[in-house]
Amino acid sequence: MSFIDDILSVFGAENAAPAFRVMLFGENAAYIEGVKAIKSYSQEKMELYLKKGEMKITGEGLFVKKYCAGDLAVCGKIKSVEKI
């Protein structure tokens, strides 16, 4: 059983695939899986449509490094990531 499977079992969701996944790399980058579309985009704020819900990323000097097949890599100084 993988680490992610262990975490999902703690929450009782071991058979459910996550609708989205966020990985932060310090405050300089984020990688998000499960993105349907970019709702809005500026250097200070990005709003995303997810497979289930929406997400807002705030920061400074934000830019899209990669966006392909539902995966999004954001770089810049990331201050917050929240599901809305």
C-alpha atoms as a PDB file:
ATOM      1  CA  MET A   1       0.000   0.000   0.000  1.00  0.00           C
ATOM      2  CA  SER A   2       1.376   3.413  -0.959  1.00  0.00           C
ATOM      3  CA  PHE A   3       1.593   6.466   1.275  1.00  0.00           C
ATOM      4  CA  ILE A   4      -1.328   8.098  -0.588  1.00  0.00           C
ATOM      5  CA  ASP A   5      -3.399   4.931  -0.143  1.00  0.00           C
ATOM      6  CA  ASP A   6      -2.652   5.034   3.600  1.00  0.00           C
ATOM      7  CA  ILE A   7      -3.822   8.646   3.807  1.00  0.00           C
ATOM      8  CA  LEU A   8      -7.000   7.923   1.834  1.00  0.00           C
ATOM      9  CA  SER A   9      -7.826   4.991   4.124  1.00  0.00           C
ATOM     10  CA  VAL A  10      -7.550   7.273   7.175  1.00  0.00           C
ATOM     11  CA  PHE A  11     -10.289   9.443   5.656  1.00  0.00           C
ATOM     12  CA  GLY A  12     -12.382   6.445   4.590  1.00  0.00           C
ATOM     13  CA  ALA A  13     -11.863   7.151   0.899  1.00  0.00           C
ATOM     14  CA  GLU A  14      -9.522   4.314  -0.032  1.00  0.00           C
ATOM     15  CA  ASN A  15     -11.575   3.352  -3.098  1.00  0.00           C
ATOM     16  CA  ALA A  16     -12.167   6.912  -4.302  1.00  0.00           C
ATOM     17  CA  ALA A  17      -9.826   8.587  -6.750  1.00  0.00           C
ATOM     18  CA  PRO A  18      -9.097  12.181  -5.720  1.00  0.00           C
ATOM     19  CA  ALA A  19     -10.838  14.830  -7.866  1.00  0.00           C
ATOM     20  CA  PHE A  20      -7.709  16.974  -7.744  1.00  0.00           C
ATOM     21  CA  ARG A  21      -4.252  16.930  -6.203  1.00  0.00           C
ATOM     22  CA  VAL A  22      -1.964  19.830  -5.243  1.00  0.00           C
ATOM     23  CA  MET A  23       1.764  19.570  -4.633  1.00  0.00           C
ATOM     24  CA  LEU A  24       3.609  22.616  -3.333  1.00  0.00           C
ATOM     25  CA  PHE A  25       7.342  23.042  -3.785  1.00  0.00           C
ATOM     26  CA  GLY A  26       8.172  25.575  -1.119  1.00  0.00           C
ATOM     27  CA  GLU A  27       6.674  28.934  -1.980  1.00  0.00           C
ATOM     28  CA  ASN A  28       8.091  28.971  -5.509  1.00  0.00           C
ATOM     29  CA  ALA A  29       5.961  26.448  -7.403  1.00  0.00           C
ATOM     30  CA  ALA A  30       2.761  24.395  -7.319  1.00  0.00           C
ATOM     31  CA  TYR A  31       1.673  21.434  -9.403  1.00  0.00           C
ATOM     32  CA  ILE A  32      -2.085  20.811  -9.653  1.00  0.00           C
ATOM     33  CA  GLU A  33      -3.719  17.716 -11.165  1.00  0.00           C
ATOM     34  CA  GLY A  34      -7.401  17.630 -12.111  1.00  0.00           C
ATOM     35  CA  VAL A  35      -7.681  21.112 -13.670  1.00  0.00           C
ATOM     36  CA  LYS A  36     -10.500  21.524 -16.206  1.00  0.00           C
ATOM     37  CA  ALA A  37      -9.778  25.129 -17.195  1.00  0.00           C
ATOM     38  CA  ILE A  38      -8.204  28.410 -16.127  1.00  0.00           C
ATOM     39  CA  LYS A  39     -11.005  30.773 -15.067  1.00  0.00           C
ATOM     40  CA  SER A  40      -8.848  33.884 -14.606  1.00  0.00           C
ATOM     41  CA  TYR A  41      -5.143  34.625 -14.591  1.00  0.00           C
ATOM     42  CA  SER A  42      -2.939  37.502 -13.498  1.00  0.00           C
ATOM     43  CA  GLN A  43       0.464  37.805 -11.856  1.00  0.00           C
ATOM     44  CA  GLU A  44      -1.255  38.140  -8.453  1.00  0.00           C
ATOM     45  CA  LYS A  45      -4.145  35.654  -8.688  1.00  0.00           C
ATOM     46  CA  MET A  46      -5.223  32.580 -10.629  1.00  0.00           C
ATOM     47  CA  GLU A  47      -8.652  30.981 -10.454  1.00  0.00           C
ATOM     48  CA  LEU A  48      -9.089  27.459 -11.760  1.00  0.00           C
ATOM     49  CA  TYR A  49     -12.021  25.209 -12.590  1.00  0.00           C
ATOM     50  CA  LEU A  50     -11.360  21.746 -11.171  1.00  0.00           C
ATOM     51  CA  LYS A  51     -13.096  18.469 -11.934  1.00  0.00           C
ATOM     52  CA  LYS A  52     -15.041  19.120  -8.735  1.00  0.00           C
ATOM     53  CA  GLY A  53     -15.155  22.753  -7.657  1.00  0.00           C
ATOM     54  CA  GLU A  54     -12.804  25.684  -8.068  1.00  0.00           C
ATOM     55  CA  MET A  55      -9.425  26.785  -6.708  1.00  0.00           C
ATOM     56  CA  LYS A  56      -7.750  30.150  -6.121  1.00  0.00           C
ATOM     57  CA  ILE A  57      -3.987  30.707  -6.017  1.00  0.00           C
ATOM     58  CA  THR A  58      -2.619  34.049  -4.861  1.00  0.00           C
ATOM     59  CA  GLY A  59       0.945  35.318  -4.955  1.00  0.00           C
ATOM     60  CA  GLU A  60       3.421  37.546  -6.757  1.00  0.00           C
ATOM     61  CA  GLY A  61       4.825  37.123 -10.238  1.00  0.00           C
ATOM     62  CA  LEU A  62       2.682  34.059 -10.937  1.00  0.00           C
ATOM     63  CA  PHE A  63       3.035  32.423 -14.326  1.00  0.00           C
ATOM     64  CA  VAL A  64       2.014  29.143 -15.960  1.00  0.00           C
ATOM     65  CA  LYS A  65       4.998  26.914 -16.590  1.00  0.00           C
ATOM     66  CA  LYS A  66       2.964  23.986 -17.991  1.00  0.00           C
ATOM     67  CA  TYR A  67      -0.701  23.323 -18.701  1.00  0.00           C
ATOM     68  CA  CYS A  68      -1.504  20.060 -20.424  1.00  0.00           C
ATOM     69  CA  ALA A  69      -4.067  17.258 -20.055  1.00  0.00           C
ATOM     70  CA  GLY A  70      -5.472  18.528 -16.762  1.00  0.00           C
ATOM     71  CA  ASP A  71      -2.069  19.198 -15.179  1.00  0.00           C
ATOM     72  CA  LEU A  72      -0.971  22.733 -14.313  1.00  0.00           C
ATOM     73  CA  ALA A  73       2.427  23.924 -13.074  1.00  0.00           C
ATOM     74  CA  VAL A  74       2.452  27.436 -11.582  1.00  0.00           C
ATOM     75  CA  CYS A  75       5.633  29.300 -10.674  1.00  0.00           C
ATOM     76  CA  GLY A  76       6.229  32.546  -8.798  1.00  0.00           C
ATOM     77  CA  LYS A  77       5.942  33.455  -5.120  1.00  0.00           C
ATOM     78  CA  ILE A  78       2.890  31.507  -3.968  1.00  0.00           C
ATOM     79  CA  LYS A  79       1.179  32.972  -0.906  1.00  0.00           C
ATOM     80  CA  SER A  80      -1.978  30.846  -0.709  1.00  0.00           C
ATOM     81  CA  VAL A  81      -3.840  27.997  -2.364  1.00  0.00           C
ATOM     82  CA  GLU A  82      -7.488  27.480  -1.482  1.00  0.00           C
ATOM     83  CA  LYS A  83     -10.436  25.510  -2.759  1.00  0.00           C
ATOM     84  CA  ILE A  84     -13.423  27.792  -3.338  1.00  0.00           C
END
